[in-house]
Amino acid sequence: MIMLPVGGGVVAVLLLLMQCGRACEGEYSCLAAVFRLRRNVGYFVLQAYVPSILIVVISWVGFWISRHSDPARVSLGVTTVLTMTTITTSSAHNFLVSYLMAMDVWCATCMLFVFAALLEFAFVSVLLRRERKRTQRDAPTSVELVSSPRRSIFLVCTTPAKFSLRLRSTFSPPI
């Protein structure tokens, strides 16, 4: 048996000398080879699968970061996308083939999860910005107390949209 290390695995070649068959004129011996292929999966597990799983889990940490802390969420999202890109290109560099491999599907799925977490941040950021604009539009910007000749006080609130709310409050002067 001959053991040959090849790429990420080992090829075991077993050469057998045996009697292959009979021909018209007699019996001849022939040489047969049996190839046993075995792949070392430890390399793929340590270089691609475990890091990509950890990167996806780290990208999900952004769901627990406060929605008001934009720098933390942006840096986490961009870092995880770039790291997944690096893992994908390094795993594709090992095998230059023209067809789709299981590693390509795995890396594409992980990239989809990481990018979806980044899109979620953008969606939440847009909703938060709309909510801030709405609360600023509806909040009063100035409050005035106006007294009338009939001894009534009016409270006038002016909002940015130029609405005015008039609340009438009557009071009796002290005797």
N, C-alpha and C. Protein backbone atom coordinates (compact mmCIF):
# COMPACT_ATOMS: atom_id res chain seq x y z
N MET A 1 0.86 -1.16 0.00
CA MET A 1 0.00 0.00 0.00
C MET A 1 0.91 1.23 0.00
N ILE A 2 0.59 2.19 -0.84
CA ILE A 2 1.35 3.43 -0.94
C ILE A 2 0.44 4.57 -0.49
N MET A 3 0.90 5.41 0.45
CA MET A 3 0.15 6.56 0.93
C MET A 3 0.73 7.81 0.30
N LEU A 4 -0.08 8.59 -0.40
CA LEU A 4 0.37 9.81 -1.05
C LEU A 4 -0.42 11.00 -0.51
N PRO A 5 0.25 11.97 0.12
CA PRO A 5 -0.48 13.17 0.56
C PRO A 5 -0.76 14.07 -0.64
N VAL A 6 -2.02 14.45 -0.81
CA VAL A 6 -2.42 15.29 -1.93
C VAL A 6 -3.38 16.35 -1.40
N GLY A 7 -3.02 17.64 -1.55
CA GLY A 7 -3.91 18.73 -1.18
C GLY A 7 -4.38 18.60 0.25
N GLY A 8 -5.69 18.54 0.43
CA GLY A 8 -6.26 18.45 1.77
C GLY A 8 -6.60 17.04 2.16
N GLY A 9 -6.00 16.04 1.52
CA GLY A 9 -6.34 14.67 1.86
C GLY A 9 -5.20 13.72 1.58
N VAL A 10 -5.51 12.43 1.63
CA VAL A 10 -4.52 11.38 1.42
C VAL A 10 -5.10 10.39 0.41
N VAL A 11 -4.26 9.97 -0.51
CA VAL A 11 -4.65 8.94 -1.47
C VAL A 11 -3.90 7.67 -1.11
N ALA A 12 -4.64 6.63 -0.90
CA ALA A 12 -4.02 5.33 -0.63
C ALA A 12 -4.15 4.49 -1.89
N VAL A 13 -3.05 4.04 -2.38
CA VAL A 13 -3.05 3.22 -3.61
C VAL A 13 -2.62 1.81 -3.22
N LEU A 14 -3.44 0.87 -3.55
CA LEU A 14 -3.16 -0.53 -3.28
C LEU A 14 -2.99 -1.22 -4.63
N LEU A 15 -1.80 -1.66 -4.87
CA LEU A 15 -1.52 -2.34 -6.13
C LEU A 15 -1.64 -3.84 -5.92
N LEU A 16 -2.39 -4.45 -6.77
CA LEU A 16 -2.62 -5.89 -6.66
C LEU A 16 -2.17 -6.58 -7.95
N LEU A 17 -1.46 -7.63 -7.76
CA LEU A 17 -1.09 -8.47 -8.89
C LEU A 17 -2.00 -9.68 -8.84
N MET A 18 -2.81 -9.81 -9.83
CA MET A 18 -3.77 -10.90 -9.79
C MET A 18 -4.01 -11.43 -11.20
N GLN A 19 -4.68 -12.51 -11.23
CA GLN A 19 -4.98 -13.12 -12.51
C GLN A 19 -6.28 -12.51 -13.02
N CYS A 20 -6.20 -11.79 -14.11
CA CYS A 20 -7.34 -11.01 -14.59
C CYS A 20 -8.33 -11.85 -15.40
N GLY A 21 -7.89 -12.75 -16.15
CA GLY A 21 -8.85 -13.50 -16.95
C GLY A 21 -8.17 -14.34 -18.01
N ARG A 22 -8.95 -14.91 -18.80
CA ARG A 22 -8.44 -15.80 -19.83
C ARG A 22 -8.65 -15.16 -21.20
N ALA A 23 -7.66 -15.31 -21.99
CA ALA A 23 -7.79 -14.89 -23.38
C ALA A 23 -7.88 -16.14 -24.25
N CYS A 24 -8.00 -15.98 -25.52
CA CYS A 24 -8.14 -17.11 -26.44
C CYS A 24 -6.90 -18.02 -26.41
N GLU A 25 -5.77 -17.43 -26.24
CA GLU A 25 -4.56 -18.20 -26.37
C GLU A 25 -3.96 -18.62 -25.04
N GLY A 26 -4.54 -18.19 -23.94
CA GLY A 26 -3.98 -18.61 -22.67
C GLY A 26 -4.37 -17.68 -21.53
N GLU A 27 -3.75 -17.91 -20.39
CA GLU A 27 -4.03 -17.10 -19.22
C GLU A 27 -2.91 -16.11 -19.01
N TYR A 28 -3.29 -14.89 -18.70
CA TYR A 28 -2.33 -13.82 -18.48
C TYR A 28 -2.60 -13.15 -17.14
N SER A 29 -1.57 -12.68 -16.52
CA SER A 29 -1.75 -11.92 -15.29
C SER A 29 -1.83 -10.43 -15.63
N CYS A 30 -2.45 -9.70 -14.77
CA CYS A 30 -2.58 -8.25 -14.99
C CYS A 30 -2.37 -7.51 -13.67
N LEU A 31 -2.23 -6.23 -13.79
CA LEU A 31 -2.00 -5.37 -12.62
C LEU A 31 -3.24 -4.52 -12.40
N ALA A 32 -3.80 -4.57 -11.21
CA ALA A 32 -4.98 -3.78 -10.87
C ALA A 32 -4.62 -2.82 -9.75
N ALA A 33 -5.25 -1.66 -9.75
CA ALA A 33 -5.01 -0.66 -8.70
C ALA A 33 -6.33 -0.28 -8.05
N VAL A 34 -6.32 -0.17 -6.74
CA VAL A 34 -7.49 0.27 -5.98
C VAL A 34 -7.11 1.58 -5.30
N PHE A 35 -7.88 2.62 -5.56
CA PHE A 35 -7.62 3.93 -4.96
C PHE A 35 -8.61 4.18 -3.85
N ARG A 36 -8.11 4.52 -2.69
CA ARG A 36 -8.96 4.93 -1.57
C ARG A 36 -8.64 6.38 -1.26
N LEU A 37 -9.64 7.22 -1.37
CA LEU A 37 -9.46 8.65 -1.14
C LEU A 37 -10.05 9.02 0.22
N ARG A 38 -9.29 9.77 0.96
CA ARG A 38 -9.75 10.22 2.28
C ARG A 38 -9.36 11.68 2.42
N ARG A 39 -10.30 12.52 2.82
CA ARG A 39 -10.05 13.94 2.96
C ARG A 39 -9.95 14.29 4.44
N ASN A 40 -8.97 15.13 4.75
CA ASN A 40 -8.83 15.65 6.11
C ASN A 40 -9.76 16.85 6.25
N VAL A 41 -10.83 16.70 7.00
CA VAL A 41 -11.81 17.78 7.13
C VAL A 41 -11.41 18.78 8.21
N GLY A 42 -10.42 18.47 9.00
CA GLY A 42 -10.01 19.40 10.06
C GLY A 42 -9.58 20.75 9.52
N TYR A 43 -8.95 20.75 8.37
CA TYR A 43 -8.52 22.02 7.77
C TYR A 43 -9.72 22.90 7.46
N PHE A 44 -10.75 22.33 6.83
CA PHE A 44 -11.92 23.11 6.45
C PHE A 44 -12.70 23.57 7.67
N VAL A 45 -12.77 22.71 8.67
CA VAL A 45 -13.50 23.07 9.88
C VAL A 45 -12.82 24.23 10.58
N LEU A 46 -11.51 24.18 10.71
CA LEU A 46 -10.79 25.23 11.44
C LEU A 46 -10.58 26.51 10.63
N GLN A 47 -10.49 26.41 9.31
CA GLN A 47 -10.20 27.58 8.48
C GLN A 47 -11.44 28.26 7.91
N ALA A 48 -12.55 27.57 7.80
CA ALA A 48 -13.71 28.18 7.17
C ALA A 48 -15.00 28.05 7.99
N TYR A 49 -15.35 26.83 8.40
CA TYR A 49 -16.66 26.64 9.02
C TYR A 49 -16.77 27.31 10.39
N VAL A 50 -15.86 27.05 11.29
CA VAL A 50 -15.94 27.64 12.64
C VAL A 50 -15.83 29.17 12.59
N PRO A 51 -14.87 29.75 11.86
CA PRO A 51 -14.83 31.22 11.81
C PRO A 51 -16.08 31.84 11.20
N SER A 52 -16.63 31.22 10.17
CA SER A 52 -17.83 31.80 9.56
C SER A 52 -19.03 31.70 10.51
N ILE A 53 -19.14 30.62 11.26
CA ILE A 53 -20.21 30.51 12.25
C ILE A 53 -20.06 31.60 13.31
N LEU A 54 -18.84 31.80 13.78
CA LEU A 54 -18.61 32.84 14.80
C LEU A 54 -18.90 34.24 14.26
N ILE A 55 -18.56 34.51 13.02
CA ILE A 55 -18.83 35.82 12.44
C ILE A 55 -20.33 36.06 12.32
N VAL A 56 -21.08 35.06 11.92
CA VAL A 56 -22.54 35.21 11.84
C VAL A 56 -23.12 35.47 13.22
N VAL A 57 -22.66 34.75 14.23
CA VAL A 57 -23.16 34.97 15.60
C VAL A 57 -22.79 36.37 16.08
N ILE A 58 -21.58 36.82 15.78
CA ILE A 58 -21.16 38.17 16.18
C ILE A 58 -22.02 39.22 15.47
N SER A 59 -22.38 38.98 14.22
CA SER A 59 -23.24 39.95 13.53
C SER A 59 -24.62 40.03 14.17
N TRP A 60 -25.07 38.95 14.78
CA TRP A 60 -26.37 38.97 15.47
C TRP A 60 -26.30 39.72 16.80
N VAL A 61 -25.12 39.97 17.31
CA VAL A 61 -24.99 40.75 18.55
C VAL A 61 -25.51 42.16 18.32
N GLY A 62 -25.46 42.63 17.08
CA GLY A 62 -25.98 43.95 16.75
C GLY A 62 -27.46 44.12 17.05
N PHE A 63 -28.20 43.03 17.14
CA PHE A 63 -29.63 43.12 17.47
C PHE A 63 -29.83 43.53 18.93
N TRP A 64 -28.84 43.31 19.78
CA TRP A 64 -28.96 43.67 21.19
C TRP A 64 -28.30 45.00 21.52
N ILE A 65 -27.62 45.60 20.57
CA ILE A 65 -27.04 46.93 20.79
C ILE A 65 -28.16 47.94 20.66
N SER A 66 -28.11 48.97 21.47
CA SER A 66 -29.15 50.00 21.46
C SER A 66 -29.30 50.59 20.06
N ARG A 67 -30.53 50.85 19.69
CA ARG A 67 -30.76 51.39 18.35
C ARG A 67 -30.29 52.82 18.20
N HIS A 68 -29.96 53.46 19.29
CA HIS A 68 -29.48 54.85 19.24
C HIS A 68 -27.97 54.93 19.08
N SER A 69 -27.25 53.84 19.24
CA SER A 69 -25.79 53.88 19.13
C SER A 69 -25.38 53.47 17.71
N ASP A 70 -25.44 54.42 16.82
CA ASP A 70 -25.13 54.17 15.41
C ASP A 70 -23.69 53.76 15.16
N PRO A 71 -22.68 54.40 15.77
CA PRO A 71 -21.30 54.01 15.46
C PRO A 71 -21.00 52.55 15.80
N ALA A 72 -21.52 52.07 16.89
CA ALA A 72 -21.26 50.67 17.28
C ALA A 72 -21.89 49.70 16.29
N ARG A 73 -23.11 49.98 15.89
CA ARG A 73 -23.80 49.06 14.97
C ARG A 73 -23.20 49.11 13.58
N VAL A 74 -22.81 50.29 13.12
CA VAL A 74 -22.20 50.40 11.79
C VAL A 74 -20.85 49.68 11.76
N SER A 75 -20.03 49.92 12.77
CA SER A 75 -18.71 49.29 12.77
C SER A 75 -18.83 47.77 12.89
N LEU A 76 -19.76 47.28 13.68
CA LEU A 76 -19.97 45.84 13.79
C LEU A 76 -20.44 45.24 12.47
N GLY A 77 -21.40 45.88 11.82
CA GLY A 77 -21.92 45.38 10.55
C GLY A 77 -20.88 45.37 9.44
N VAL A 78 -20.15 46.46 9.30
CA VAL A 78 -19.15 46.55 8.24
C VAL A 78 -18.01 45.56 8.50
N THR A 79 -17.59 45.45 9.75
CA THR A 79 -16.50 44.52 10.08
C THR A 79 -16.88 43.08 9.78
N THR A 80 -18.09 42.69 10.13
CA THR A 80 -18.50 41.31 9.88
C THR A 80 -18.66 41.02 8.39
N VAL A 81 -19.16 41.99 7.62
CA VAL A 81 -19.27 41.79 6.17
C VAL A 81 -17.88 41.64 5.53
N LEU A 82 -16.95 42.50 5.94
CA LEU A 82 -15.61 42.41 5.38
C LEU A 82 -14.90 41.12 5.79
N THR A 83 -15.11 40.67 7.02
CA THR A 83 -14.49 39.43 7.47
C THR A 83 -15.06 38.23 6.72
N MET A 84 -16.37 38.22 6.48
CA MET A 84 -16.96 37.12 5.70
C MET A 84 -16.45 37.15 4.26
N THR A 85 -16.22 38.33 3.72
CA THR A 85 -15.66 38.42 2.37
C THR A 85 -14.27 37.82 2.34
N THR A 86 -13.47 38.10 3.36
CA THR A 86 -12.12 37.54 3.44
C THR A 86 -12.14 36.02 3.56
N ILE A 87 -13.02 35.50 4.39
CA ILE A 87 -13.13 34.04 4.54
C ILE A 87 -13.56 33.40 3.23
N THR A 88 -14.50 34.02 2.54
CA THR A 88 -15.00 33.47 1.28
C THR A 88 -13.90 33.44 0.22
N THR A 89 -13.16 34.53 0.10
CA THR A 89 -12.11 34.56 -0.93
C THR A 89 -10.95 33.63 -0.57
N SER A 90 -10.63 33.50 0.70
CA SER A 90 -9.53 32.60 1.06
C SER A 90 -9.91 31.14 0.86
N SER A 91 -11.17 30.78 1.10
CA SER A 91 -11.57 29.39 0.87
C SER A 91 -11.70 29.10 -0.62
N ALA A 92 -12.08 30.09 -1.41
CA ALA A 92 -12.18 29.88 -2.86
C ALA A 92 -10.80 29.84 -3.51
N HIS A 93 -9.82 30.45 -2.88
CA HIS A 93 -8.47 30.48 -3.45
C HIS A 93 -7.80 29.11 -3.36
N ASN A 94 -8.22 28.28 -2.42
CA ASN A 94 -7.61 26.96 -2.25
C ASN A 94 -7.93 26.02 -3.41
N PHE A 95 -9.14 26.13 -3.93
CA PHE A 95 -9.57 25.23 -5.01
C PHE A 95 -10.08 26.06 -6.17
N LEU A 96 -9.36 26.07 -7.24
CA LEU A 96 -9.76 26.81 -8.43
C LEU A 96 -10.48 25.86 -9.37
N VAL A 97 -11.78 25.80 -9.20
CA VAL A 97 -12.61 24.94 -10.04
C VAL A 97 -13.70 25.80 -10.67
N SER A 98 -14.29 25.31 -11.74
CA SER A 98 -15.29 26.09 -12.45
C SER A 98 -16.72 25.79 -12.01
N TYR A 99 -16.90 24.90 -11.08
CA TYR A 99 -18.25 24.54 -10.66
C TYR A 99 -18.48 24.96 -9.21
N LEU A 100 -19.72 24.91 -8.78
CA LEU A 100 -20.12 25.32 -7.44
C LEU A 100 -19.82 24.21 -6.44
N MET A 101 -19.16 24.57 -5.34
CA MET A 101 -18.85 23.59 -4.30
C MET A 101 -19.72 23.85 -3.08
N ALA A 102 -19.75 22.90 -2.17
CA ALA A 102 -20.52 23.06 -0.94
C ALA A 102 -19.97 24.20 -0.10
N MET A 103 -18.64 24.42 -0.15
CA MET A 103 -18.04 25.53 0.59
C MET A 103 -18.54 26.88 0.06
N ASP A 104 -18.76 26.99 -1.25
CA ASP A 104 -19.28 28.21 -1.83
C ASP A 104 -20.71 28.49 -1.36
N VAL A 105 -21.52 27.45 -1.30
CA VAL A 105 -22.90 27.60 -0.82
C VAL A 105 -22.89 28.01 0.65
N TRP A 106 -22.03 27.38 1.43
CA TRP A 106 -21.93 27.71 2.86
C TRP A 106 -21.54 29.17 3.05
N CYS A 107 -20.50 29.60 2.36
CA CYS A 107 -20.03 30.98 2.52
C CYS A 107 -21.07 31.98 2.02
N ALA A 108 -21.78 31.65 0.94
CA ALA A 108 -22.83 32.55 0.43
C ALA A 108 -23.97 32.68 1.43
N THR A 109 -24.34 31.56 2.07
CA THR A 109 -25.40 31.59 3.07
C THR A 109 -24.98 32.43 4.28
N CYS A 110 -23.76 32.24 4.74
CA CYS A 110 -23.27 33.04 5.87
C CYS A 110 -23.21 34.52 5.52
N MET A 111 -22.78 34.83 4.30
CA MET A 111 -22.74 36.23 3.85
C MET A 111 -24.14 36.81 3.79
N LEU A 112 -25.11 36.02 3.40
CA LEU A 112 -26.50 36.49 3.36
C LEU A 112 -26.99 36.85 4.76
N PHE A 113 -26.69 36.01 5.76
CA PHE A 113 -27.10 36.30 7.13
C PHE A 113 -26.43 37.56 7.66
N VAL A 114 -25.15 37.71 7.39
CA VAL A 114 -24.40 38.88 7.88
C VAL A 114 -24.91 40.15 7.21
N PHE A 115 -25.13 40.09 5.90
CA PHE A 115 -25.61 41.26 5.18
C PHE A 115 -27.04 41.61 5.59
N ALA A 116 -27.86 40.60 5.90
CA ALA A 116 -29.22 40.86 6.38
C ALA A 116 -29.20 41.59 7.72
N ALA A 117 -28.24 41.26 8.58
CA ALA A 117 -28.12 41.97 9.85
C ALA A 117 -27.73 43.43 9.61
N LEU A 118 -26.89 43.69 8.62
CA LEU A 118 -26.51 45.07 8.29
C LEU A 118 -27.70 45.82 7.70
N LEU A 119 -28.50 45.16 6.86
CA LEU A 119 -29.70 45.80 6.31
C LEU A 119 -30.73 46.09 7.40
N GLU A 120 -30.79 45.22 8.40
CA GLU A 120 -31.70 45.47 9.52
C GLU A 120 -31.32 46.75 10.24
N PHE A 121 -30.03 46.97 10.42
CA PHE A 121 -29.58 48.21 11.05
C PHE A 121 -30.00 49.42 10.23
N ALA A 122 -29.84 49.35 8.92
CA ALA A 122 -30.22 50.48 8.07
C ALA A 122 -31.73 50.72 8.15
N PHE A 123 -32.52 49.67 8.16
CA PHE A 123 -33.97 49.80 8.27
C PHE A 123 -34.37 50.44 9.59
N VAL A 124 -33.77 49.99 10.69
CA VAL A 124 -34.07 50.56 12.01
C VAL A 124 -33.63 52.02 12.07
N SER A 125 -32.51 52.33 11.45
CA SER A 125 -32.02 53.71 11.44
C SER A 125 -32.99 54.63 10.70
N VAL A 126 -33.53 54.19 9.57
CA VAL A 126 -34.50 55.00 8.83
C VAL A 126 -35.77 55.19 9.65
N LEU A 127 -36.25 54.15 10.28
CA LEU A 127 -37.45 54.27 11.11
C LEU A 127 -37.22 55.21 12.29
N LEU A 128 -36.04 55.13 12.89
CA LEU A 128 -35.72 56.00 14.02
C LEU A 128 -35.65 57.45 13.57
N ARG A 129 -35.08 57.70 12.40
CA ARG A 129 -34.99 59.06 11.87
C ARG A 129 -36.38 59.63 11.60
N ARG A 130 -37.28 58.81 11.04
CA ARG A 130 -38.66 59.26 10.81
C ARG A 130 -39.36 59.58 12.13
N GLU A 131 -39.12 58.75 13.13
CA GLU A 131 -39.75 58.98 14.44
C GLU A 131 -39.24 60.27 15.06
N ARG A 132 -37.95 60.55 14.93
CA ARG A 132 -37.40 61.80 15.46
C ARG A 132 -38.00 63.01 14.76
N LYS A 133 -38.14 62.94 13.43
CA LYS A 133 -38.73 64.06 12.69
C LYS A 133 -40.17 64.28 13.11
N ARG A 134 -40.91 63.20 13.31
CA ARG A 134 -42.30 63.32 13.71
C ARG A 134 -42.43 63.94 15.09
N THR A 135 -41.58 63.53 16.03
CA THR A 135 -41.67 64.11 17.38
C THR A 135 -41.20 65.56 17.40
N GLN A 136 -40.22 65.91 16.55
CA GLN A 136 -39.80 67.31 16.48
C GLN A 136 -40.87 68.17 15.84
N ARG A 137 -41.59 67.65 14.86
CA ARG A 137 -42.64 68.40 14.19
C ARG A 137 -43.81 68.66 15.14
N ASP A 138 -44.13 67.68 15.98
CA ASP A 138 -45.29 67.80 16.86
C ASP A 138 -44.97 68.48 18.17
N ALA A 139 -43.71 68.65 18.51
CA ALA A 139 -43.34 69.24 19.80
C ALA A 139 -43.48 70.76 19.73
N PRO A 140 -43.96 71.39 20.81
CA PRO A 140 -44.05 72.86 20.80
C PRO A 140 -42.66 73.49 20.87
N THR A 141 -42.52 74.61 20.15
CA THR A 141 -41.23 75.29 20.16
C THR A 141 -41.26 76.56 20.98
N SER A 142 -42.42 77.17 21.12
CA SER A 142 -42.50 78.37 21.96
C SER A 142 -43.83 78.40 22.69
N VAL A 143 -43.81 78.91 23.86
CA VAL A 143 -45.00 79.00 24.70
C VAL A 143 -45.11 80.45 25.15
N GLU A 144 -46.29 81.05 24.98
CA GLU A 144 -46.51 82.43 25.40
C GLU A 144 -47.74 82.50 26.29
N LEU A 145 -47.69 83.36 27.25
CA LEU A 145 -48.85 83.66 28.08
C LEU A 145 -49.37 85.02 27.64
N VAL A 146 -50.63 85.05 27.24
CA VAL A 146 -51.25 86.29 26.76
C VAL A 146 -52.45 86.57 27.64
N SER A 147 -52.50 87.77 28.18
CA SER A 147 -53.66 88.13 29.02
C SER A 147 -54.60 89.01 28.20
N SER A 148 -55.87 88.86 28.45
CA SER A 148 -56.89 89.62 27.73
C SER A 148 -57.49 90.65 28.68
N PRO A 149 -58.24 91.59 28.13
CA PRO A 149 -58.85 92.59 29.01
C PRO A 149 -59.87 92.01 29.97
N ARG A 150 -60.42 90.87 29.68
CA ARG A 150 -61.41 90.27 30.58
C ARG A 150 -60.77 89.44 31.67
N ARG A 151 -59.52 89.61 31.90
CA ARG A 151 -58.78 88.89 32.94
C ARG A 151 -58.74 87.38 32.69
N SER A 152 -58.66 87.00 31.46
CA SER A 152 -58.46 85.60 31.10
C SER A 152 -57.04 85.46 30.57
N ILE A 153 -56.46 84.32 30.81
CA ILE A 153 -55.10 84.08 30.33
C ILE A 153 -55.18 83.02 29.24
N PHE A 154 -54.50 83.28 28.13
CA PHE A 154 -54.43 82.33 27.03
C PHE A 154 -53.02 81.77 26.98
N LEU A 155 -52.94 80.50 26.81
CA LEU A 155 -51.65 79.84 26.63
C LEU A 155 -51.54 79.49 25.15
N VAL A 156 -50.57 80.10 24.47
CA VAL A 156 -50.41 79.88 23.04
C VAL A 156 -49.13 79.09 22.82
N CYS A 157 -49.26 77.92 22.18
CA CYS A 157 -48.10 77.08 21.85
C CYS A 157 -47.95 77.09 20.34
N THR A 158 -46.75 77.40 19.88
CA THR A 158 -46.49 77.42 18.45
C THR A 158 -45.57 76.25 18.11
N THR A 159 -45.99 75.46 17.15
CA THR A 159 -45.17 74.34 16.70
C THR A 159 -44.47 74.73 15.42
N PRO A 160 -43.49 73.94 14.97
CA PRO A 160 -42.80 74.27 13.72
C PRO A 160 -43.74 74.32 12.51
N ALA A 161 -44.84 73.63 12.56
CA ALA A 161 -45.78 73.63 11.45
C ALA A 161 -46.73 74.83 11.53
N LYS A 162 -46.48 75.77 12.42
CA LYS A 162 -47.25 77.00 12.59
C LYS A 162 -48.68 76.76 13.05
N PHE A 163 -48.88 75.73 13.82
CA PHE A 163 -50.18 75.53 14.44
C PHE A 163 -50.15 76.25 15.78
N SER A 164 -51.28 76.75 16.19
CA SER A 164 -51.32 77.35 17.50
C SER A 164 -52.48 76.74 18.28
N LEU A 165 -52.20 76.42 19.47
CA LEU A 165 -53.18 75.83 20.37
C LEU A 165 -53.54 76.89 21.41
N ARG A 166 -54.78 77.17 21.57
CA ARG A 166 -55.19 78.19 22.54
C ARG A 166 -56.00 77.51 23.64
N LEU A 167 -55.45 77.59 24.80
CA LEU A 167 -56.11 77.02 25.97
C LEU A 167 -56.58 78.19 26.84
N ARG A 168 -57.84 78.21 27.17
CA ARG A 168 -58.37 79.31 27.95
C ARG A 168 -58.46 78.88 29.40
N SER A 169 -57.94 79.74 30.22
CA SER A 169 -57.99 79.46 31.64
C SER A 169 -58.50 80.73 32.34
N THR A 170 -59.57 80.60 33.06
CA THR A 170 -60.10 81.76 33.79
C THR A 170 -59.67 81.67 35.22
N PHE A 171 -59.44 82.78 35.79
CA PHE A 171 -59.08 82.78 37.19
C PHE A 171 -59.74 84.00 37.83
N SER A 172 -59.89 83.93 39.09
CA SER A 172 -60.47 85.06 39.79
C SER A 172 -59.36 85.80 40.52
N PRO A 173 -59.31 87.10 40.39
CA PRO A 173 -58.26 87.86 41.06
C PRO A 173 -58.43 87.81 42.58
N PRO A 174 -57.34 87.94 43.26
CA PRO A 174 -57.46 87.94 44.73
C PRO A 174 -58.26 89.14 45.24
N ILE A 175 -59.03 88.99 46.30
CA ILE A 175 -59.86 90.05 46.85
C ILE A 175 -59.11 90.89 47.85
